Amino acid sequence: MFESAVTSKGRTTLPKAVREALGIAPGDRPRYVVLDDGQVLILPLRPVSRLFGKLKHRGRPVTLEDMERAGPARDPGA
């Protein structure tokens, strides 16, 4: 279990072990979800720029042209 202090402005620092467990890096924006029972979930939100080069198509990064050729995303429920 980890803890941190809250400043008079309501700010806190996520402990290093928590940042590492969530994969949070500088520039990421954690999202806080308050559940009905008072518990809080912390979810990592990352900038889209961190996704660059993550998807591969035929051994190379996916381009906008690749996505346009693939066509619109289809709703599986439609």
PDB file of N, CA and C in Angstrom:
ATOM      1  N   MET A   1       0.852  -1.165   0.000  1.00  0.00           N
ATOM      2  CA  MET A   1       0.000   0.000   0.000  1.00  0.00           C
ATOM      3  C   MET A   1       0.900   1.231   0.000  1.00  0.00           C
ATOM      4  N   PHE A   2       0.481   2.252  -0.751  1.00  0.00           N
ATOM      5  CA  PHE A   2       1.259   3.473  -0.874  1.00  0.00           C
ATOM      6  C   PHE A   2       0.391   4.653  -0.485  1.00  0.00           C
ATOM      7  N   GLU A   3       1.021   5.717  -0.050  1.00  0.00           N
ATOM      8  CA  GLU A   3       0.269   6.919   0.298  1.00  0.00           C
ATOM      9  C   GLU A   3       1.092   8.139  -0.066  1.00  0.00           C
ATOM     10  N   SER A   4       0.401   9.277  -0.176  1.00  0.00           N
ATOM     11  CA  SER A   4       1.076  10.543  -0.423  1.00  0.00           C
ATOM     12  C   SER A   4       0.252  11.651   0.212  1.00  0.00           C
ATOM     13  N   ALA A   5       0.893  12.769   0.477  1.00  0.00           N
ATOM     14  CA  ALA A   5       0.225  13.909   1.105  1.00  0.00           C
ATOM     15  C   ALA A   5      -0.530  14.719   0.051  1.00  0.00           C
ATOM     16  N   VAL A   6      -1.543  15.435   0.505  1.00  0.00           N
ATOM     17  CA  VAL A   6      -2.308  16.339  -0.354  1.00  0.00           C
ATOM     18  C   VAL A   6      -1.997  17.757   0.102  1.00  0.00           C
ATOM     19  N   THR A   7      -1.659  18.636  -0.849  1.00  0.00           N
ATOM     20  CA  THR A   7      -1.338  20.020  -0.502  1.00  0.00           C
ATOM     21  C   THR A   7      -2.615  20.817  -0.262  1.00  0.00           C
ATOM     22  N   SER A   8      -2.454  22.053   0.183  1.00  0.00           N
ATOM     23  CA  SER A   8      -3.618  22.923   0.424  1.00  0.00           C
ATOM     24  C   SER A   8      -4.378  23.222  -0.868  1.00  0.00           C
ATOM     25  N   LYS A   9      -3.716  23.052  -2.014  1.00  0.00           N
ATOM     26  CA  LYS A   9      -4.374  23.257  -3.311  1.00  0.00           C
ATOM     27  C   LYS A   9      -4.973  21.960  -3.850  1.00  0.00           C
ATOM     28  N   GLY A  10      -4.933  20.887  -3.080  1.00  0.00           N
ATOM     29  CA  GLY A  10      -5.511  19.615  -3.508  1.00  0.00           C
ATOM     30  C   GLY A  10      -4.610  18.801  -4.411  1.00  0.00           C
ATOM     31  N   ARG A  11      -3.349  19.132  -4.472  1.00  0.00           N
ATOM     32  CA  ARG A  11      -2.409  18.413  -5.340  1.00  0.00           C
ATOM     33  C   ARG A  11      -1.707  17.312  -4.559  1.00  0.00           C
ATOM     34  N   THR A  12      -1.338  16.277  -5.294  1.00  0.00           N
ATOM     35  CA  THR A  12      -0.582  15.184  -4.700  1.00  0.00           C
ATOM     36  C   THR A  12       0.368  14.648  -5.757  1.00  0.00           C
ATOM     37  N   THR A  13       1.353  13.898  -5.332  1.00  0.00           N
ATOM     38  CA  THR A  13       2.279  13.241  -6.246  1.00  0.00           C
ATOM     39  C   THR A  13       2.023  11.749  -6.164  1.00  0.00           C
ATOM     40  N   LEU A  14       1.805  11.129  -7.320  1.00  0.00           N
ATOM     41  CA  LEU A  14       1.651   9.671  -7.325  1.00  0.00           C
ATOM     42  C   LEU A  14       3.007   9.055  -6.982  1.00  0.00           C
ATOM     43  N   PRO A  15       3.049   8.166  -6.020  1.00  0.00           N
ATOM     44  CA  PRO A  15       4.319   7.519  -5.682  1.00  0.00           C
ATOM     45  C   PRO A  15       4.912   6.804  -6.902  1.00  0.00           C
ATOM     46  N   LYS A  16       6.229   6.730  -6.935  1.00  0.00           N
ATOM     47  CA  LYS A  16       6.936   6.131  -8.072  1.00  0.00           C
ATOM     48  C   LYS A  16       6.424   4.725  -8.368  1.00  0.00           C
ATOM     49  N   ALA A  17       6.215   3.916  -7.349  1.00  0.00           N
ATOM     50  CA  ALA A  17       5.746   2.540  -7.572  1.00  0.00           C
ATOM     51  C   ALA A  17       4.375   2.519  -8.250  1.00  0.00           C
ATOM     52  N   VAL A  18       3.510   3.494  -7.913  1.00  0.00           N
ATOM     53  CA  VAL A  18       2.180   3.573  -8.537  1.00  0.00           C
ATOM     54  C   VAL A  18       2.324   3.998  -9.987  1.00  0.00           C
ATOM     55  N   ARG A  19       3.163   5.015 -10.255  1.00  0.00           N
ATOM     56  CA  ARG A  19       3.397   5.455 -11.639  1.00  0.00           C
ATOM     57  C   ARG A  19       3.932   4.309 -12.485  1.00  0.00           C
ATOM     58  N   GLU A  20       4.864   3.551 -11.930  1.00  0.00           N
ATOM     59  CA  GLU A  20       5.438   2.425 -12.674  1.00  0.00           C
ATOM     60  C   GLU A  20       4.394   1.341 -12.918  1.00  0.00           C
ATOM     61  N   ALA A  21       3.575   1.042 -11.923  1.00  0.00           N
ATOM     62  CA  ALA A  21       2.551  -0.003 -12.077  1.00  0.00           C
ATOM     63  C   ALA A  21       1.531   0.378 -13.148  1.00  0.00           C
ATOM     64  N   LEU A  22       1.225   1.668 -13.255  1.00  0.00           N
ATOM     65  CA  LEU A  22       0.258   2.133 -14.249  1.00  0.00           C
ATOM     66  C   LEU A  22       0.907   2.470 -15.585  1.00  0.00           C
ATOM     67  N   GLY A  23       2.228   2.500 -15.615  1.00  0.00           N
ATOM     68  CA  GLY A  23       2.925   2.870 -16.844  1.00  0.00           C
ATOM     69  C   GLY A  23       2.764   4.348 -17.161  1.00  0.00           C
ATOM     70  N   ILE A  24       2.608   5.162 -16.129  1.00  0.00           N
ATOM     71  CA  ILE A  24       2.412   6.598 -16.319  1.00  0.00           C
ATOM     72  C   ILE A  24       3.767   7.285 -16.448  1.00  0.00           C
ATOM     73  N   ALA A  25       3.876   8.121 -17.493  1.00  0.00           N
ATOM     74  CA  ALA A  25       5.104   8.853 -17.760  1.00  0.00           C
ATOM     75  C   ALA A  25       4.784  10.349 -17.790  1.00  0.00           C
ATOM     76  N   PRO A  26       5.813  11.188 -17.741  1.00  0.00           N
ATOM     77  CA  PRO A  26       5.566  12.626 -17.851  1.00  0.00           C
ATOM     78  C   PRO A  26       4.736  12.944 -19.101  1.00  0.00           C
ATOM     79  N   GLY A  27       3.747  13.791 -18.937  1.00  0.00           N
ATOM     80  CA  GLY A  27       2.860  14.142 -20.049  1.00  0.00           C
ATOM     81  C   GLY A  27       1.567  13.348 -20.061  1.00  0.00           C
ATOM     82  N   ASP A  28       1.534  12.200 -19.388  1.00  0.00           N
ATOM     83  CA  ASP A  28       0.302  11.415 -19.292  1.00  0.00           C
ATOM     84  C   ASP A  28      -0.658  12.119 -18.347  1.00  0.00           C
ATOM     85  N   ARG A  29      -1.945  11.853 -18.527  1.00  0.00           N
ATOM     86  CA  ARG A  29      -2.966  12.472 -17.680  1.00  0.00           C
ATOM     87  C   ARG A  29      -3.793  11.367 -17.041  1.00  0.00           C
ATOM     88  N   PRO A  30      -3.582  11.097 -15.756  1.00  0.00           N
ATOM     89  CA  PRO A  30      -4.387  10.061 -15.120  1.00  0.00           C
ATOM     90  C   PRO A  30      -5.850  10.478 -15.033  1.00  0.00           C
ATOM     91  N   ARG A  31      -6.740   9.518 -15.188  1.00  0.00           N
ATOM     92  CA  ARG A  31      -8.179   9.748 -15.050  1.00  0.00           C
ATOM     93  C   ARG A  31      -8.609   9.086 -13.749  1.00  0.00           C
ATOM     94  N   TYR A  32      -9.429   9.797 -12.985  1.00  0.00           N
ATOM     95  CA  TYR A  32      -9.916   9.299 -11.709  1.00  0.00           C
ATOM     96  C   TYR A  32     -11.392   8.966 -11.850  1.00  0.00           C
ATOM     97  N   VAL A  33     -11.761   7.748 -11.481  1.00  0.00           N
ATOM     98  CA  VAL A  33     -13.148   7.305 -11.538  1.00  0.00           C
ATOM     99  C   VAL A  33     -13.593   7.017 -10.102  1.00  0.00           C
ATOM    100  N   VAL A  34     -14.599   7.768  -9.634  1.00  0.00           N
ATOM    101  CA  VAL A  34     -15.121   7.572  -8.285  1.00  0.00           C
ATOM    102  C   VAL A  34     -16.292   6.596  -8.373  1.00  0.00           C
ATOM    103  N   LEU A  35     -16.185   5.474  -7.685  1.00  0.00           N
ATOM    104  CA  LEU A  35     -17.221   4.455  -7.696  1.00  0.00           C
ATOM    105  C   LEU A  35     -18.282   4.769  -6.640  1.00  0.00           C
ATOM    106  N   ASP A  36     -19.439   4.140  -6.773  1.00  0.00           N
ATOM    107  CA  ASP A  36     -20.548   4.383  -5.840  1.00  0.00           C
ATOM    108  C   ASP A  36     -20.185   4.080  -4.390  1.00  0.00           C
ATOM    109  N   ASP A  37     -19.272   3.130  -4.174  1.00  0.00           N
ATOM    110  CA  ASP A  37     -18.917   2.760  -2.801  1.00  0.00           C
ATOM    111  C   ASP A  37     -17.794   3.626  -2.225  1.00  0.00           C
ATOM    112  N   GLY A  38     -17.418   4.701  -2.955  1.00  0.00           N
ATOM    113  CA  GLY A  38     -16.399   5.613  -2.460  1.00  0.00           C
ATOM    114  C   GLY A  38     -14.980   5.268  -2.882  1.00  0.00           C
ATOM    115  N   GLN A  39     -14.776   4.119  -3.502  1.00  0.00           N
ATOM    116  CA  GLN A  39     -13.449   3.764  -3.987  1.00  0.00           C
ATOM    117  C   GLN A  39     -13.132   4.586  -5.237  1.00  0.00           C
ATOM    118  N   VAL A  40     -11.851   4.768  -5.502  1.00  0.00           N
ATOM    119  CA  VAL A  40     -11.412   5.542  -6.660  1.00  0.00           C
ATOM    120  C   VAL A  40     -10.474   4.683  -7.502  1.00  0.00           C
ATOM    121  N   LEU A  41     -10.727   4.656  -8.795  1.00  0.00           N
ATOM    122  CA  LEU A  41      -9.834   3.990  -9.739  1.00  0.00           C
ATOM    123  C   LEU A  41      -8.979   5.052 -10.405  1.00  0.00           C
ATOM    124  N   ILE A  42      -7.707   4.760 -10.613  1.00  0.00           N
ATOM    125  CA  ILE A  42      -6.821   5.657 -11.348  1.00  0.00           C
ATOM    126  C   ILE A  42      -6.458   4.944 -12.639  1.00  0.00           C
ATOM    127  N   LEU A  43      -6.815   5.553 -13.765  1.00  0.00           N
ATOM    128  CA  LEU A  43      -6.565   4.965 -15.072  1.00  0.00           C
ATOM    129  C   LEU A  43      -5.597   5.846 -15.847  1.00  0.00           C
ATOM    130  N   PRO A  44      -4.588   5.256 -16.479  1.00  0.00           N
ATOM    131  CA  PRO A  44      -3.646   6.075 -17.235  1.00  0.00           C
ATOM    132  C   PRO A  44      -4.229   6.492 -18.585  1.00  0.00           C
ATOM    133  N   LEU A  45      -4.152   7.771 -18.894  1.00  0.00           N
ATOM    134  CA  LEU A  45      -4.499   8.273 -20.226  1.00  0.00           C
ATOM    135  C   LEU A  45      -3.199   8.768 -20.832  1.00  0.00           C
ATOM    136  N   ARG A  46      -2.920   8.335 -22.037  1.00  0.00           N
ATOM    137  CA  ARG A  46      -1.660   8.700 -22.667  1.00  0.00           C
ATOM    138  C   ARG A  46      -1.906   9.514 -23.925  1.00  0.00           C
ATOM    139  N   PRO A  47      -1.000  10.439 -24.250  1.00  0.00           N
ATOM    140  CA  PRO A  47      -1.169  11.196 -25.485  1.00  0.00           C
ATOM    141  C   PRO A  47      -1.074  10.270 -26.697  1.00  0.00           C
ATOM    142  N   VAL A  48      -1.816  10.590 -27.727  1.00  0.00           N
ATOM    143  CA  VAL A  48      -1.832   9.781 -28.946  1.00  0.00           C
ATOM    144  C   VAL A  48      -0.436   9.664 -29.528  1.00  0.00           C
ATOM    145  N   SER A  49       0.390  10.689 -29.339  1.00  0.00           N
ATOM    146  CA  SER A  49       1.740  10.668 -29.902  1.00  0.00           C
ATOM    147  C   SER A  49       2.550   9.471 -29.399  1.00  0.00           C
ATOM    148  N   ARG A  50       2.198   8.931 -28.212  1.00  0.00           N
ATOM    149  CA  ARG A  50       2.925   7.759 -27.705  1.00  0.00           C
ATOM    150  C   ARG A  50       2.578   6.502 -28.472  1.00  0.00           C
ATOM    151  N   LEU A  51       1.496   6.541 -29.281  1.00  0.00           N
ATOM    152  CA  LEU A  51       1.116   5.376 -30.073  1.00  0.00           C
ATOM    153  C   LEU A  51       1.884   5.301 -31.390  1.00  0.00           C
ATOM    154  N   PHE A  52       2.556   6.398 -31.770  1.00  0.00           N
ATOM    155  CA  PHE A  52       3.256   6.431 -33.049  1.00  0.00           C
ATOM    156  C   PHE A  52       4.210   5.254 -33.172  1.00  0.00           C
ATOM    157  N   GLY A  53       4.078   4.516 -34.239  1.00  0.00           N
ATOM    158  CA  GLY A  53       4.957   3.388 -34.519  1.00  0.00           C
ATOM    159  C   GLY A  53       4.595   2.100 -33.811  1.00  0.00           C
ATOM    160  N   LYS A  54       3.537   2.099 -32.996  1.00  0.00           N
ATOM    161  CA  LYS A  54       3.164   0.895 -32.245  1.00  0.00           C
ATOM    162  C   LYS A  54       2.473  -0.131 -33.134  1.00  0.00           C
ATOM    163  N   LEU A  55       1.680   0.332 -34.095  1.00  0.00           N
ATOM    164  CA  LEU A  55       0.967  -0.580 -34.988  1.00  0.00           C
ATOM    165  C   LEU A  55       1.844  -0.887 -36.191  1.00  0.00           C
ATOM    166  N   LYS A  56       1.866  -2.111 -36.591  1.00  0.00           N
ATOM    167  CA  LYS A  56       2.672  -2.513 -37.742  1.00  0.00           C
ATOM    168  C   LYS A  56       1.778  -3.144 -38.801  1.00  0.00           C
ATOM    169  N   HIS A  57       2.090  -2.908 -40.051  1.00  0.00           N
ATOM    170  CA  HIS A  57       1.373  -3.488 -41.174  1.00  0.00           C
ATOM    171  C   HIS A  57       2.423  -3.971 -42.156  1.00  0.00           C
ATOM    172  N   ARG A  58       2.480  -5.262 -42.339  1.00  0.00           N
ATOM    173  CA  ARG A  58       3.478  -5.843 -43.233  1.00  0.00           C
ATOM    174  C   ARG A  58       4.896  -5.424 -42.844  1.00  0.00           C
ATOM    175  N   GLY A  59       5.147  -5.420 -41.528  1.00  0.00           N
ATOM    176  CA  GLY A  59       6.493  -5.134 -41.041  1.00  0.00           C
ATOM    177  C   GLY A  59       6.850  -3.661 -40.981  1.00  0.00           C
ATOM    178  N   ARG A  60       5.903  -2.771 -41.254  1.00  0.00           N
ATOM    179  CA  ARG A  60       6.202  -1.340 -41.197  1.00  0.00           C
ATOM    180  C   ARG A  60       5.088  -0.631 -40.422  1.00  0.00           C
ATOM    181  N   PRO A  61       5.353   0.593 -39.927  1.00  0.00           N
ATOM    182  CA  PRO A  61       4.305   1.321 -39.203  1.00  0.00           C
ATOM    183  C   PRO A  61       3.086   1.572 -40.091  1.00  0.00           C
ATOM    184  N   VAL A  62       1.914   1.593 -39.487  1.00  0.00           N
ATOM    185  CA  VAL A  62       0.673   1.873 -40.210  1.00  0.00           C
ATOM    186  C   VAL A  62       0.607   3.368 -40.504  1.00  0.00           C
ATOM    187  N   THR A  63       0.246   3.720 -41.738  1.00  0.00           N
ATOM    188  CA  THR A  63       0.130   5.120 -42.131  1.00  0.00           C
ATOM    189  C   THR A  63      -1.343   5.515 -42.208  1.00  0.00           C
ATOM    190  N   LEU A  64      -1.606   6.806 -42.327  1.00  0.00           N
ATOM    191  CA  LEU A  64      -2.982   7.273 -42.520  1.00  0.00           C
ATOM    192  C   LEU A  64      -3.560   6.702 -43.813  1.00  0.00           C
ATOM    193  N   GLU A  65      -2.723   6.587 -44.831  1.00  0.00           N
ATOM    194  CA  GLU A  65      -3.187   6.015 -46.098  1.00  0.00           C
ATOM    195  C   GLU A  65      -3.633   4.562 -45.914  1.00  0.00           C
ATOM    196  N   ASP A  66      -2.892   3.786 -45.110  1.00  0.00           N
ATOM    197  CA  ASP A  66      -3.281   2.402 -44.819  1.00  0.00           C
ATOM    198  C   ASP A  66      -4.661   2.367 -44.167  1.00  0.00           C
ATOM    199  N   MET A  67      -4.874   3.288 -43.217  1.00  0.00           N
ATOM    200  CA  MET A  67      -6.158   3.317 -42.513  1.00  0.00           C
ATOM    201  C   MET A  67      -7.287   3.728 -43.451  1.00  0.00           C
ATOM    202  N   GLU A  68      -7.026   4.715 -44.330  1.00  0.00           N
ATOM    203  CA  GLU A  68      -8.058   5.148 -45.273  1.00  0.00           C
ATOM    204  C   GLU A  68      -8.414   4.022 -46.242  1.00  0.00           C
ATOM    205  N   ARG A  69      -7.405   3.273 -46.703  1.00  0.00           N
ATOM    206  CA  ARG A  69      -7.666   2.152 -47.613  1.00  0.00           C
ATOM    207  C   ARG A  69      -8.478   1.057 -46.925  1.00  0.00           C
ATOM    208  N   ALA A  70      -8.290   0.915 -45.614  1.00  0.00           N
ATOM    209  CA  ALA A  70      -9.015  -0.123 -44.873  1.00  0.00           C
ATOM    210  C   ALA A  70     -10.496   0.211 -44.777  1.00  0.00           C
ATOM    211  N   GLY A  71     -10.849   1.485 -44.956  1.00  0.00           N
ATOM    212  CA  GLY A  71     -12.248   1.877 -44.925  1.00  0.00           C
ATOM    213  C   GLY A  71     -12.692   2.267 -43.542  1.00  0.00           C
ATOM    214  N   PRO A  72     -13.950   2.674 -43.417  1.00  0.00           N
ATOM    215  CA  PRO A  72     -14.462   3.122 -42.119  1.00  0.00           C
ATOM    216  C   PRO A  72     -14.548   1.976 -41.126  1.00  0.00           C
ATOM    217  N   ALA A  73     -14.392   2.335 -39.864  1.00  0.00           N
ATOM    218  CA  ALA A  73     -14.558   1.308 -38.815  1.00  0.00           C
ATOM    219  C   ALA A  73     -15.990   0.830 -38.821  1.00  0.00           C
ATOM    220  N   ARG A  74     -16.172  -0.438 -38.646  1.00  0.00           N
ATOM    221  CA  ARG A  74     -17.521  -1.016 -38.665  1.00  0.00           C
ATOM    222  C   ARG A  74     -17.980  -1.311 -37.263  1.00  0.00           C
ATOM    223  N   ASP A  75     -19.248  -1.023 -36.982  1.00  0.00           N
ATOM    224  CA  ASP A  75     -19.845  -1.299 -35.689  1.00  0.00           C
ATOM    225  C   ASP A  75     -20.288  -2.749 -35.683  1.00  0.00           C
ATOM    226  N   PRO A  76     -19.674  -3.606 -34.842  1.00  0.00           N
ATOM    227  CA  PRO A  76     -20.031  -5.024 -34.837  1.00  0.00           C
ATOM    228  C   PRO A  76     -21.495  -5.264 -34.460  1.00  0.00           C
ATOM    229  N   GLY A  77     -22.127  -4.297 -33.786  1.00  0.00           N
ATOM    230  CA  GLY A  77     -23.519  -4.459 -33.392  1.00  0.00           C
ATOM    231  C   GLY A  77     -24.490  -4.014 -34.472  1.00  0.00           C
ATOM    232  N   ALA A  78     -23.968  -3.439 -35.555  1.00  0.00           N
ATOM    233  CA  ALA A  78     -24.868  -2.917 -36.609  1.00  0.00           C
ATOM    234  C   ALA A  78     -25.279  -3.988 -37.583  1.00  0.00           C
TER     235      ALA A  78
END
